Each structure stands twice: as C-alpha cells, then as structure tokens.
Amino acid sequence: MTEHPQRPHPYMPNSVSAIKQSMLDALGISSPAVLFEQIPAGHRPATPIALPPAISSESELSRHMLSMLSRNASCEDHLSFLGGGCWRHHVPAVCDEIVSRSEFLTPVWGTPSSDHGRNQAWFEFTSQLGDLIDADLVGLPVYSWGCALGHAVRMAVRMTGRRKVLVPAILCPERRSVLENYCEPPDMPSHIIIESIPAGADGALDMDMLKARLDDDVAAVYFETPGYFGTIEPNAGDIGALARANGSETIVGVDPLSLGIMAPPGSYGADIIVGSIQPLGVHMSAGGGLGGFIASRDEPRYAYEYPTLMLSIAETDRPGEHGFGMALMHQCSYGAREEGKDWTGNSTYLWAIAGTVYMALLGPQGFRELGELIIQRAHFCAHILDEIDGVSVPRKTGFFKEFTVNFDGTGKSVADINKALLSRGIFGGHDLSTDFPDLGQSALYCVTELHSEADLHRLADTLKEVCQS
C-alpha cells in the first residue's frame, strides 16, 4: 500500500503550515526550536522519537483503540478483591443517569453567582456529607483522598505556625506519596516534617509513641478509622484529646460508607476531616481523580484557610426563596490564582453530583444496612480464609471492608498466588510485601456489598487449590 502524504491534523488547526508560519512571524523567530532553547541540550532528544505512523482515519483509530482496550481485564468480568484506595461498590443506575444529563455534565464553570441549579446540587452534596461525617463546613471535592490530606495538613500548618505532622506508619503508599509532595522537599523553605507513628499489635496507633512524639512543633496529628488495613481505631477520642492538649489540630481520614455503623469523626473531636468520595456512587477508574473531601467545624479560622470552593445559601428579596452561590472565592486558586491558599482543580466536581444522588438514595437507614452488610461479609471472608492450611488472617476482628491475609505458611509469594488466581478469573488482594516487608508475604483483601456468599466461597476454594498445588 502507498503511504499517505503528510497532512494537517483534522482536529489541530495549528498543524496547518501557513498557521505555523504566521505564528512564527508574529513572534519574530524562524523556528519553533528557539522556544525550547531554555531547556538544557542534555534534556532534549538528540534524534526524532520513533513514533508509529499517524492514523488519519477515524474508523482505523476506533479499531486500534478497541484492540488495545480489549487486552484489559476488568472488575466486571473478573471477581475482584482489590481495594486499598479504589473500591468496587454498587453504583445505582440513577447516579449515572443524573451525572450524564447535560445540565450537570456540560456547565463546568460559571460565575460565583450564576448557575443556581448546579450550585444548589453542590450545596446539597456538602450538606449531606456534612451530616454524615458530623461537620458543619464542607468544601467541594479535590482530586483524591491524598490531595485532601495534603491540603488539610497545610491548613493546619498555616493555622498553628508549626511545621510538623504526625501520621500513621501504616498509611496507603499512594496517599503517603501525595502527602510528601504537598509537604515539599527538605531543602525548600515551606518544608513540612512528616513523622510516622507505628501501630501496636492490634493495628491501632501506638499511644505511648504518640505521646512521646507530641511537641511544640506538631501542627497536626493525622489518623484514619478505618485505616489502610481496614483497622478500626479504638483510641480515636483519646488521640484527639492528646492533640488538643498539645495545641495541635486533629485530622481524621474516614471511609464514608463506614459511618452507617461507626461514630462520625465530628463526634469524637476531629478538627478537620478528609476522605474519599469514590464509594459514594463513583465507578472505579484509573488515571483520573476519584475525589477527596475536606470538612471541618464552621469556624472562621478554618473557613479562611480552605483552598476549595465553598457553597453557601441565602434568602433572596422574594419571601420564601433561597439562592445558592459560592463563598470565600477570593482565597481559592480560582479567585486569587497563585496567591490562593493552595491550588485546587475541578476535575471531580461532577462526582459531587453523583455523591448527592447516592447519599439521597441511601439515607440514614440505607447507610446503616450497607455498613452492616459489608462488615459481616468481610469478617465471614476472613474467617473462611483463615481456615486454609498455610494461610492466616492476623487480625480476625475490628476491621471494616479490608483486612490483611498472610501467605508465609504456604511457601508461595503473593505475586505467584495472584498470578494463579488471575488465570482462574480472580483478582487477588493487593500485594503488601514491597511496601510493608515486615508483614512477609501478605496481601490486602477487600470485601464489599457486591461480594455474595458464593463469591467468598469461590475465593476460598480457589485459594486452597492454588496454595496447596
């Protein structure tokens, strides 16, 4: 076949030669290379990048993309026990229907006083989530739980003037990495010191170590319940009391689905609350924001440190009518750009709509029933896995949704076990052996409301076969 001649890209006007030359003439330069001279020569490719031939036909491109996507193995066609920050929960069809409507899908941005319908939906999200976690002030979502944590730590540093944060040693590696970015490298003037507090034998924060680490430079103490390994923190109230006595802020990370059966963070003294909104009607996805929330008490010293968009309600000049708009616009990055409290983005605002629908559908009773179902099924799964020869579940109680499984007694690695499970249509638990080598060959397993009793027995039977082969 003859090769097609080079031509401008149909969706890139600037690829037209005449337009390129016009821009060069306007800039007074002869070549685009001049624009990149500030980049050191050693950082620029010496030879052209070997790219495959361009696909100029939409039908060819569609076939190419479908061919690549077909290599994926999804949680729809595999039985999945993966979690660790992105969980497979049921997403009601109405959530997808509402967020697909043009009224919400297309109006990404307007002025602080426009788009009242969208603003009301956002206000409902913040109101419902605030009721769930027992907090009066809730911002619009940021990119992820990790980003929410990073923002919360920086809020605490600005409020206290201190430069250290204490966090659990057992922390999601992705969340820890994002936090480290927000806390900046040691050689930067705004560096925030991160110190880890180990866990005791029961998985809870080591209280003696926490007391020893609390000093006048600690801006905040962060802990999670349930934690990364699913552990429910039994000393939540005591941790908050210690932090307050030290003049430090208490930041609590939480899975919102656990709050149908667990006390909300606001009830045991949390100053700032963060977490993921992905369980609230958002599908699993890779490479994009899943949504994280930040909430606190409704006090000026917290409100004036938020980097997020804030929604407010007010009466209008018509009796009985209310308007919805944005508040404290001047302190976010939209209102103040680089002078804002922190940079925030809008890729997850649509998920606030999904969360609004999800929380309204469940209501208090629905959250209670869902929480009970998840914790019962997770504990049942841990029980039947612990009965397999060579397999053990170190903590058999006191966890929500996720728990660790140790395979040292099988003589096999988690990687080998997961490979064997995958060949049988099952995604095994997340391999912890690299990030937490002290746990040996252990994996983090996640059980949600989507796992039936038959699914759990299938996992146990397959693991028995794999581990004893």
Protein backbone atom coordinates (compact mmCIF):
# COMPACT_ATOMS: atom_id res chain seq x y z
CA MET A 1 0.00 0.00 0.00
CA THR A 2 1.18 3.52 -0.76
CA GLU A 3 1.82 5.79 2.19
CA HIS A 4 -0.46 8.73 2.68
CA PRO A 5 1.20 12.13 2.24
CA GLN A 6 1.71 14.24 5.37
CA ARG A 7 -1.27 16.47 6.00
CA PRO A 8 -2.55 18.75 8.76
CA HIS A 9 -4.32 17.01 11.62
CA PRO A 10 -8.09 17.47 11.27
CA TYR A 11 -8.53 18.39 14.95
CA MET A 12 -5.40 20.54 15.33
CA PRO A 13 -5.65 23.83 13.42
CA ASN A 14 -2.14 24.82 14.43
CA SER A 15 -0.74 21.93 12.39
CA VAL A 16 -1.52 23.80 9.16
CA SER A 17 1.81 25.02 7.73
CA ALA A 18 0.52 28.51 6.94
CA ILE A 19 -0.77 28.99 10.51
CA LYS A 20 2.54 27.77 11.95
CA GLN A 21 4.44 30.28 9.79
CA SER A 22 2.05 33.06 10.79
CA MET A 23 2.73 32.40 14.48
CA LEU A 24 6.48 32.30 13.90
CA ASP A 25 6.31 35.61 12.04
CA ALA A 26 4.29 37.18 14.87
CA LEU A 27 6.94 36.04 17.37
CA GLY A 28 9.81 37.18 15.13
CA ILE A 29 11.56 33.79 15.10
CA SER A 30 12.43 31.40 12.30
CA SER A 31 11.87 28.07 14.00
CA PRO A 32 9.90 26.63 16.96
CA ALA A 33 13.22 25.28 18.26
CA VAL A 34 14.05 28.78 19.51
CA LEU A 35 11.24 28.48 22.05
CA PHE A 36 12.93 25.49 23.68
CA GLU A 37 16.48 26.84 23.98
CA GLN A 38 15.92 27.44 27.70
CA ILE A 39 15.79 23.65 28.15
CA PRO A 40 19.35 22.28 28.54
CA ALA A 41 20.53 20.39 25.47
CA GLY A 42 21.08 17.24 27.52
CA HIS A 43 17.38 17.16 28.39
CA ARG A 44 16.28 17.33 24.76
CA PRO A 45 16.16 14.26 22.45
CA ALA A 46 19.11 14.11 20.07
CA THR A 47 17.16 12.12 17.49
CA PRO A 48 13.49 12.14 16.48
CA ILE A 49 11.20 9.97 18.58
CA ALA A 50 10.32 6.75 16.77
CA LEU A 51 6.55 7.09 16.63
CA PRO A 52 4.29 4.73 14.69
CA PRO A 53 2.68 6.09 11.54
CA ALA A 54 -0.17 8.50 12.17
CA ILE A 55 -3.70 7.12 11.93
CA SER A 56 -5.65 9.52 9.78
CA SER A 57 -8.94 7.61 9.60
CA GLU A 58 -11.44 7.75 12.46
CA SER A 59 -12.55 4.18 11.75
CA GLU A 60 -8.94 2.93 11.88
CA LEU A 61 -8.35 4.82 15.10
CA SER A 62 -11.50 3.34 16.63
CA ARG A 63 -10.40 -0.20 15.68
CA HIS A 64 -6.92 0.46 17.07
CA MET A 65 -8.25 1.75 20.40
CA LEU A 66 -10.75 -1.08 20.80
CA SER A 67 -8.00 -3.58 20.08
CA MET A 68 -5.84 -2.11 22.86
CA LEU A 69 -8.72 -1.82 25.33
CA SER A 70 -9.70 -5.45 24.76
CA ARG A 71 -6.45 -6.51 26.44
CA ASN A 72 -7.74 -5.15 29.76
CA ALA A 73 -9.20 -7.46 32.37
CA SER A 74 -11.88 -5.55 34.25
CA CYS A 75 -13.63 -5.99 37.58
CA GLU A 76 -16.85 -6.55 35.65
CA ASP A 77 -15.65 -9.80 34.10
CA HIS A 78 -13.38 -10.88 36.97
CA LEU A 79 -14.12 -11.47 40.64
CA SER A 80 -12.13 -8.72 42.35
CA PHE A 81 -10.83 -8.39 45.91
CA LEU A 82 -8.71 -5.32 45.21
CA GLY A 83 -9.09 -2.20 47.33
CA GLY A 84 -6.53 -0.02 49.03
CA GLY A 85 -7.96 3.32 47.93
CA CYS A 86 -10.20 2.47 44.98
CA TRP A 87 -13.03 0.08 45.77
CA ARG A 88 -15.69 -1.70 43.78
CA HIS A 89 -19.06 -0.71 45.19
CA HIS A 90 -22.50 -0.72 43.67
CA VAL A 91 -23.26 2.43 41.68
CA PRO A 92 -27.04 2.87 41.32
CA ALA A 93 -28.11 3.41 37.71
CA VAL A 94 -29.75 6.71 38.63
CA CYS A 95 -26.32 8.11 39.64
CA ASP A 96 -25.04 7.54 36.10
CA GLU A 97 -28.27 8.89 34.63
CA ILE A 98 -28.14 12.14 36.59
CA VAL A 99 -24.45 12.91 36.02
CA SER A 100 -24.90 12.20 32.29
CA ARG A 101 -27.54 14.90 31.92
CA SER A 102 -26.32 17.94 30.03
CA GLU A 103 -27.42 20.25 32.86
CA PHE A 104 -24.63 18.82 35.03
CA LEU A 105 -22.23 17.29 32.51
CA THR A 106 -21.53 20.44 30.48
CA PRO A 107 -21.67 23.50 32.82
CA VAL A 108 -18.21 23.04 34.30
CA TRP A 109 -17.83 26.65 35.25
CA GLY A 110 -19.73 29.89 35.64
CA THR A 111 -19.50 32.95 37.82
CA PRO A 112 -19.78 32.73 41.62
CA SER A 113 -23.39 33.92 41.43
CA SER A 114 -24.57 32.09 38.31
CA ASP A 115 -25.69 28.52 37.63
CA HIS A 116 -28.04 28.34 40.58
CA GLY A 117 -29.25 24.83 39.80
CA ARG A 118 -25.75 23.43 39.74
CA ASN A 119 -24.84 25.43 42.84
CA GLN A 120 -27.86 24.03 44.67
CA ALA A 121 -26.83 20.48 43.76
CA TRP A 122 -23.34 21.18 45.06
CA PHE A 123 -24.78 22.69 48.22
CA GLU A 124 -26.86 19.54 48.75
CA PHE A 125 -23.67 17.47 48.41
CA THR A 126 -21.84 19.47 51.07
CA SER A 127 -24.91 19.44 53.35
CA GLN A 128 -25.48 15.69 53.13
CA LEU A 129 -21.81 14.83 53.52
CA GLY A 130 -21.54 17.20 56.47
CA ASP A 131 -24.46 15.44 58.14
CA LEU A 132 -22.84 12.05 57.51
CA ILE A 133 -19.45 12.94 58.99
CA ASP A 134 -20.78 15.39 61.63
CA ALA A 135 -19.11 18.52 60.28
CA ASP A 136 -20.67 21.90 59.52
CA LEU A 137 -18.27 23.14 56.84
CA VAL A 138 -17.54 21.06 53.73
CA GLY A 139 -15.70 22.15 50.59
CA LEU A 140 -16.20 20.92 47.06
CA PRO A 141 -14.16 17.81 46.21
CA VAL A 142 -10.47 17.88 45.38
CA TYR A 143 -8.69 15.30 43.21
CA SER A 144 -8.26 12.50 45.74
CA TRP A 145 -8.11 11.48 49.39
CA GLY A 146 -4.35 12.09 49.28
CA CYS A 147 -4.83 15.62 47.97
CA ALA A 148 -7.44 16.30 50.65
CA LEU A 149 -4.95 15.15 53.28
CA GLY A 150 -2.20 17.32 51.82
CA HIS A 151 -4.45 20.39 51.83
CA ALA A 152 -5.62 19.65 55.39
CA VAL A 153 -2.05 19.40 56.67
CA ARG A 154 -1.13 22.69 55.02
CA MET A 155 -4.25 24.28 56.54
CA ALA A 156 -3.13 23.11 59.99
CA VAL A 157 0.39 24.46 59.44
CA ARG A 158 -0.98 27.88 58.43
CA MET A 159 -3.29 27.98 61.46
CA THR A 160 -0.73 26.90 64.06
CA GLY A 161 2.51 28.26 62.60
CA ARG A 162 4.09 24.87 63.31
CA ARG A 163 5.89 22.68 60.79
CA LYS A 164 5.44 19.01 61.73
CA VAL A 165 2.69 16.44 61.20
CA LEU A 166 2.37 13.02 62.83
CA VAL A 167 0.86 10.28 60.65
CA PRO A 168 0.35 6.51 60.98
CA ALA A 169 3.22 4.33 59.80
CA ILE A 170 0.53 2.12 58.24
CA LEU A 171 -0.62 4.51 55.54
CA CYS A 172 -1.64 3.95 51.93
CA PRO A 173 1.60 4.35 49.92
CA GLU A 174 -0.15 6.44 47.29
CA ARG A 175 -1.64 8.71 49.95
CA ARG A 176 1.75 9.00 51.65
CA SER A 177 3.42 9.92 48.35
CA VAL A 178 0.88 12.67 47.64
CA LEU A 179 1.26 13.99 51.20
CA GLU A 180 5.04 14.16 50.78
CA ASN A 181 4.58 16.24 47.65
CA TYR A 182 2.31 18.66 49.50
CA CYS A 183 4.80 18.88 52.37
CA GLU A 184 7.61 19.74 49.91
CA PRO A 185 11.25 18.55 49.96
CA PRO A 186 13.50 19.31 52.96
CA ASP A 187 15.56 21.89 51.05
CA MET A 188 12.52 24.08 50.36
CA PRO A 189 11.60 26.89 52.77
CA SER A 190 8.00 25.65 53.17
CA HIS A 191 9.00 22.08 54.02
CA ILE A 192 6.74 20.28 56.49
CA ILE A 193 8.24 17.44 58.52
CA ILE A 194 6.37 14.13 58.42
CA GLU A 195 6.90 11.74 61.32
CA SER A 196 5.39 8.25 61.42
CA ILE A 197 3.73 6.69 64.46
CA PRO A 198 3.87 2.86 64.48
CA ALA A 199 0.92 0.64 65.24
CA GLY A 200 0.58 -1.71 68.17
CA ALA A 201 -0.11 -5.41 67.88
CA ASP A 202 -3.83 -4.72 67.47
CA GLY A 203 -3.22 -2.41 64.50
CA ALA A 204 -4.18 0.70 66.46
CA LEU A 205 -1.91 3.72 66.78
CA ASP A 206 0.80 3.25 69.46
CA MET A 207 -0.39 5.71 72.10
CA ASP A 208 2.88 5.74 74.05
CA MET A 209 4.80 6.60 70.90
CA LEU A 210 2.26 9.29 70.05
CA LYS A 211 2.66 10.91 73.46
CA ALA A 212 6.44 10.83 73.10
CA ARG A 213 6.36 12.48 69.66
CA LEU A 214 3.96 15.31 70.55
CA ASP A 215 5.91 18.52 70.97
CA ASP A 216 5.56 22.26 70.38
CA ASP A 217 6.29 21.92 66.65
CA VAL A 218 3.47 19.46 65.87
CA ALA A 219 0.84 21.23 63.78
CA ALA A 220 -1.44 18.22 63.40
CA VAL A 221 -1.97 14.58 64.25
CA TYR A 222 -3.48 12.53 61.45
CA PHE A 223 -5.07 9.12 61.81
CA GLU A 224 -7.61 7.03 59.91
CA THR A 225 -10.51 4.90 61.02
CA PRO A 226 -10.85 2.57 59.30
CA GLY A 227 -7.16 2.65 58.42
CA TYR A 228 -5.34 1.40 55.34
CA PHE A 229 -5.53 -2.19 56.61
CA GLY A 230 -9.20 -1.73 57.49
CA THR A 231 -8.46 -1.42 61.22
CA ILE A 232 -11.00 0.48 63.30
CA GLU A 233 -9.09 2.83 65.62
CA PRO A 234 -10.26 2.17 69.21
CA ASN A 235 -8.49 5.23 70.70
CA ALA A 236 -9.91 7.90 68.39
CA GLY A 237 -11.22 10.13 71.17
CA ASP A 238 -8.01 9.85 73.19
CA ILE A 239 -5.89 10.78 70.16
CA GLY A 240 -7.94 13.92 69.64
CA ALA A 241 -7.70 14.84 73.32
CA LEU A 242 -3.91 14.48 73.28
CA ALA A 243 -3.63 16.62 70.16
CA ARG A 244 -5.85 19.37 71.60
CA ALA A 245 -3.86 19.43 74.84
CA ASN A 246 -0.73 19.94 72.74
CA GLY A 247 -2.27 22.78 70.72
CA SER A 248 -2.28 20.60 67.60
CA GLU A 249 -5.06 20.05 65.09
CA THR A 250 -6.68 16.61 64.80
CA ILE A 251 -7.14 15.44 61.20
CA VAL A 252 -9.17 12.26 60.68
CA GLY A 253 -9.39 10.21 57.49
CA VAL A 254 -12.52 8.14 57.02
CA ASP A 255 -14.35 5.90 54.57
CA PRO A 256 -17.83 7.49 54.38
CA LEU A 257 -19.52 4.10 53.90
CA SER A 258 -18.38 3.05 57.36
CA LEU A 259 -20.40 5.81 59.03
CA GLY A 260 -23.68 3.94 58.93
CA ILE A 261 -22.34 1.79 61.76
CA MET A 262 -19.43 3.83 63.18
CA ALA A 263 -19.39 7.12 65.05
CA PRO A 264 -18.71 10.10 62.75
CA PRO A 265 -15.36 11.89 63.24
CA GLY A 266 -17.01 15.10 64.38
CA SER A 267 -18.48 13.29 67.40
CA TYR A 268 -15.06 12.42 68.85
CA GLY A 269 -13.33 15.74 68.35
CA ALA A 270 -11.94 15.79 64.81
CA ASP A 271 -10.95 19.31 63.77
CA ILE A 272 -10.53 18.56 60.06
CA ILE A 273 -11.99 15.50 58.32
CA VAL A 274 -10.82 14.07 54.99
CA GLY A 275 -11.60 11.01 52.92
CA SER A 276 -12.61 9.65 49.54
CA ILE A 277 -15.94 10.28 47.80
CA GLN A 278 -15.36 7.42 45.33
CA PRO A 279 -17.52 4.98 47.37
CA LEU A 280 -20.43 7.43 47.05
CA GLY A 281 -21.67 6.49 43.60
CA VAL A 282 -18.45 6.81 41.58
CA HIS A 283 -17.18 3.96 39.41
CA MET A 284 -13.63 2.66 39.73
CA SER A 285 -11.27 4.32 37.25
CA ALA A 286 -7.55 4.57 36.61
CA GLY A 287 -5.60 7.68 35.75
CA GLY A 288 -8.18 10.22 36.89
CA GLY A 289 -9.38 11.91 40.04
CA LEU A 290 -11.67 9.81 42.21
CA GLY A 291 -12.49 12.70 44.50
CA GLY A 292 -11.49 13.58 48.04
CA PHE A 293 -13.29 15.77 50.56
CA ILE A 294 -12.23 18.25 53.24
CA ALA A 295 -14.54 19.24 56.10
CA SER A 296 -14.26 20.95 59.47
CA ARG A 297 -16.13 22.85 62.13
CA ASP A 298 -17.79 26.02 60.87
CA GLU A 299 -15.40 28.48 62.46
CA PRO A 300 -13.72 31.45 60.73
CA ARG A 301 -10.20 30.21 61.47
CA TYR A 302 -10.92 27.04 59.46
CA ALA A 303 -13.07 28.66 56.80
CA TYR A 304 -10.42 31.23 55.92
CA GLU A 305 -7.83 28.53 55.29
CA TYR A 306 -9.82 26.40 52.83
CA PRO A 307 -8.32 26.18 49.34
CA THR A 308 -11.53 24.69 47.92
CA LEU A 309 -14.68 26.22 46.50
CA MET A 310 -17.31 26.78 49.19
CA LEU A 311 -21.07 26.76 48.62
CA SER A 312 -23.48 28.96 50.52
CA ILE A 313 -27.23 29.52 50.81
CA ALA A 314 -29.02 32.81 51.44
CA GLU A 315 -32.52 34.25 51.32
CA THR A 316 -33.39 36.43 48.34
CA ASP A 317 -35.60 39.52 48.20
CA ARG A 318 -38.57 37.23 47.48
CA PRO A 319 -40.13 35.75 50.63
CA GLY A 320 -39.54 32.01 50.91
CA GLU A 321 -36.98 31.95 48.09
CA HIS A 322 -33.36 30.93 48.52
CA GLY A 323 -30.32 31.43 46.35
CA PHE A 324 -27.16 29.36 46.13
CA GLY A 325 -23.72 30.72 45.36
CA MET A 326 -20.02 30.41 46.09
CA ALA A 327 -18.39 31.90 49.18
CA LEU A 328 -14.81 32.87 50.06
CA MET A 329 -13.99 32.91 46.36
CA HIS A 330 -11.09 35.31 46.89
CA GLN A 331 -8.95 32.76 48.77
CA CYS A 332 -9.09 29.81 46.34
CA SER A 333 -6.89 29.46 43.28
CA TYR A 334 -9.78 30.44 41.01
CA GLY A 335 -10.14 33.79 42.73
CA ALA A 336 -6.50 34.51 43.60
CA ARG A 337 -4.52 32.23 41.26
CA GLU A 338 -1.01 31.69 42.67
CA GLU A 339 -1.85 33.87 45.70
CA GLY A 340 -4.61 31.46 46.79
CA LYS A 341 -4.36 29.30 49.89
CA ASP A 342 -3.46 26.28 47.72
CA TRP A 343 -4.03 25.22 44.17
CA THR A 344 -7.19 23.22 43.55
CA GLY A 345 -8.85 21.88 40.43
CA ASN A 346 -12.28 21.00 39.11
CA SER A 347 -11.97 17.55 37.55
CA THR A 348 -14.04 15.92 40.31
CA TYR A 349 -16.92 18.38 40.71
CA LEU A 350 -19.19 16.16 38.62
CA TRP A 351 -18.67 13.43 41.21
CA ALA A 352 -20.19 15.75 43.80
CA ILE A 353 -23.43 15.40 41.86
CA ALA A 354 -23.09 11.60 41.87
CA GLY A 355 -22.45 11.70 45.61
CA THR A 356 -25.52 13.88 46.14
CA VAL A 357 -27.73 11.36 44.36
CA TYR A 358 -26.13 8.38 46.13
CA MET A 359 -26.48 9.80 49.64
CA ALA A 360 -30.06 10.89 48.99
CA LEU A 361 -30.94 7.38 47.77
CA LEU A 362 -29.49 5.58 50.78
CA GLY A 363 -30.47 7.86 53.62
CA PRO A 364 -29.52 7.01 57.23
CA GLN A 365 -31.16 3.59 57.21
CA GLY A 366 -29.54 2.66 53.90
CA PHE A 367 -26.09 3.60 55.19
CA ARG A 368 -26.70 1.51 58.30
CA GLU A 369 -27.80 -1.54 56.34
CA LEU A 370 -24.92 -1.18 53.89
CA GLY A 371 -22.34 -0.84 56.66
CA GLU A 372 -23.68 -3.90 58.46
CA LEU A 373 -23.66 -5.94 55.26
CA ILE A 374 -20.08 -5.01 54.39
CA ILE A 375 -18.63 -5.66 57.84
CA GLN A 376 -20.44 -9.02 58.14
CA ARG A 377 -19.28 -10.25 54.75
CA ALA A 378 -15.71 -9.05 55.30
CA HIS A 379 -15.47 -10.87 58.64
CA PHE A 380 -17.03 -14.01 57.17
CA CYS A 381 -14.45 -13.95 54.37
CA ALA A 382 -11.60 -13.51 56.85
CA HIS A 383 -12.92 -16.48 58.84
CA ILE A 384 -13.04 -18.93 55.93
CA LEU A 385 -9.65 -17.80 54.56
CA ASP A 386 -8.04 -18.28 57.96
CA GLU A 387 -9.09 -21.95 57.87
CA ILE A 388 -6.95 -22.68 54.78
CA ASP A 389 -3.69 -24.53 55.57
CA GLY A 390 -0.74 -22.13 55.39
CA VAL A 391 -2.98 -19.06 55.21
CA SER A 392 -3.62 -16.82 58.21
CA VAL A 393 -5.55 -13.66 58.96
CA PRO A 394 -3.56 -11.86 61.70
CA ARG A 395 -6.46 -9.65 62.86
CA LYS A 396 -9.75 -11.50 62.67
CA THR A 397 -11.96 -8.76 64.14
CA GLY A 398 -12.09 -4.98 64.45
CA PHE A 399 -11.87 -4.08 60.77
CA PHE A 400 -14.14 -2.67 58.11
CA LYS A 401 -14.16 -3.85 54.50
CA GLU A 402 -10.41 -4.61 54.26
CA PHE A 403 -8.07 -6.95 56.10
CA THR A 404 -4.62 -8.45 55.67
CA VAL A 405 -4.01 -12.09 54.73
CA ASN A 406 -0.63 -13.74 55.27
CA PHE A 407 0.64 -16.50 52.99
CA ASP A 408 4.02 -17.26 54.60
CA GLY A 409 2.85 -20.72 55.62
CA THR A 410 2.18 -21.71 52.01
CA GLY A 411 5.79 -21.21 50.88
CA LYS A 412 4.48 -19.13 47.98
CA SER A 413 4.75 -15.43 47.23
CA VAL A 414 1.74 -13.16 46.92
CA ALA A 415 2.80 -12.44 43.35
CA ASP A 416 2.69 -16.14 42.43
CA ILE A 417 -0.63 -16.64 44.20
CA ASN A 418 -2.18 -13.63 42.48
CA LYS A 419 -0.92 -14.82 39.11
CA ALA A 420 -2.58 -18.19 39.68
CA LEU A 421 -5.79 -16.53 40.84
CA LEU A 422 -5.83 -14.28 37.76
CA SER A 423 -5.62 -17.31 35.49
CA ARG A 424 -8.80 -18.50 37.21
CA GLY A 425 -10.67 -15.22 36.77
CA ILE A 426 -9.98 -13.67 40.20
CA PHE A 427 -8.11 -10.51 41.16
CA GLY A 428 -6.40 -11.36 44.44
CA GLY A 429 -5.59 -8.89 47.21
CA HIS A 430 -3.12 -6.04 46.86
CA ASP A 431 0.45 -7.27 47.40
CA LEU A 432 1.91 -5.63 50.54
CA SER A 433 5.28 -7.38 50.51
CA THR A 434 7.13 -4.47 48.90
CA ASP A 435 5.69 -1.52 50.82
CA PHE A 436 5.40 -3.39 54.14
CA PRO A 437 8.14 -6.07 54.06
CA ASP A 438 7.84 -6.71 57.83
CA LEU A 439 4.49 -8.37 57.10
CA GLY A 440 6.14 -11.04 54.97
CA GLN A 441 4.07 -12.37 52.09
CA SER A 442 0.86 -10.56 52.92
CA ALA A 443 -1.94 -9.09 50.83
CA LEU A 444 -4.73 -6.63 51.50
CA TYR A 445 -8.13 -8.10 50.68
CA CYS A 446 -11.28 -6.04 50.20
CA VAL A 447 -14.86 -7.30 50.56
CA THR A 448 -17.86 -5.10 49.72
CA GLU A 449 -21.61 -5.43 49.33
CA LEU A 450 -21.05 -6.73 45.79
CA HIS A 451 -19.46 -9.97 47.04
CA SER A 452 -22.02 -12.72 47.51
CA GLU A 453 -21.52 -15.67 49.82
CA ALA A 454 -20.89 -17.80 46.73
CA ASP A 455 -18.14 -15.36 45.65
CA LEU A 456 -16.41 -15.69 49.01
CA HIS A 457 -16.55 -19.48 48.93
CA ARG A 458 -15.21 -19.42 45.38
CA LEU A 459 -12.24 -17.33 46.58
CA ALA A 460 -11.58 -19.69 49.50
CA ASP A 461 -11.84 -22.82 47.35
CA THR A 462 -9.60 -21.36 44.65
CA LEU A 463 -7.01 -20.17 47.18
CA LYS A 464 -6.98 -23.63 48.73
CA GLU A 465 -6.33 -25.14 45.33
CA VAL A 466 -3.64 -22.59 44.44
CA CYS A 467 -1.81 -22.67 47.78
CA GLN A 468 -1.75 -26.45 48.05
CA SER A 469 -0.77 -27.21 44.46
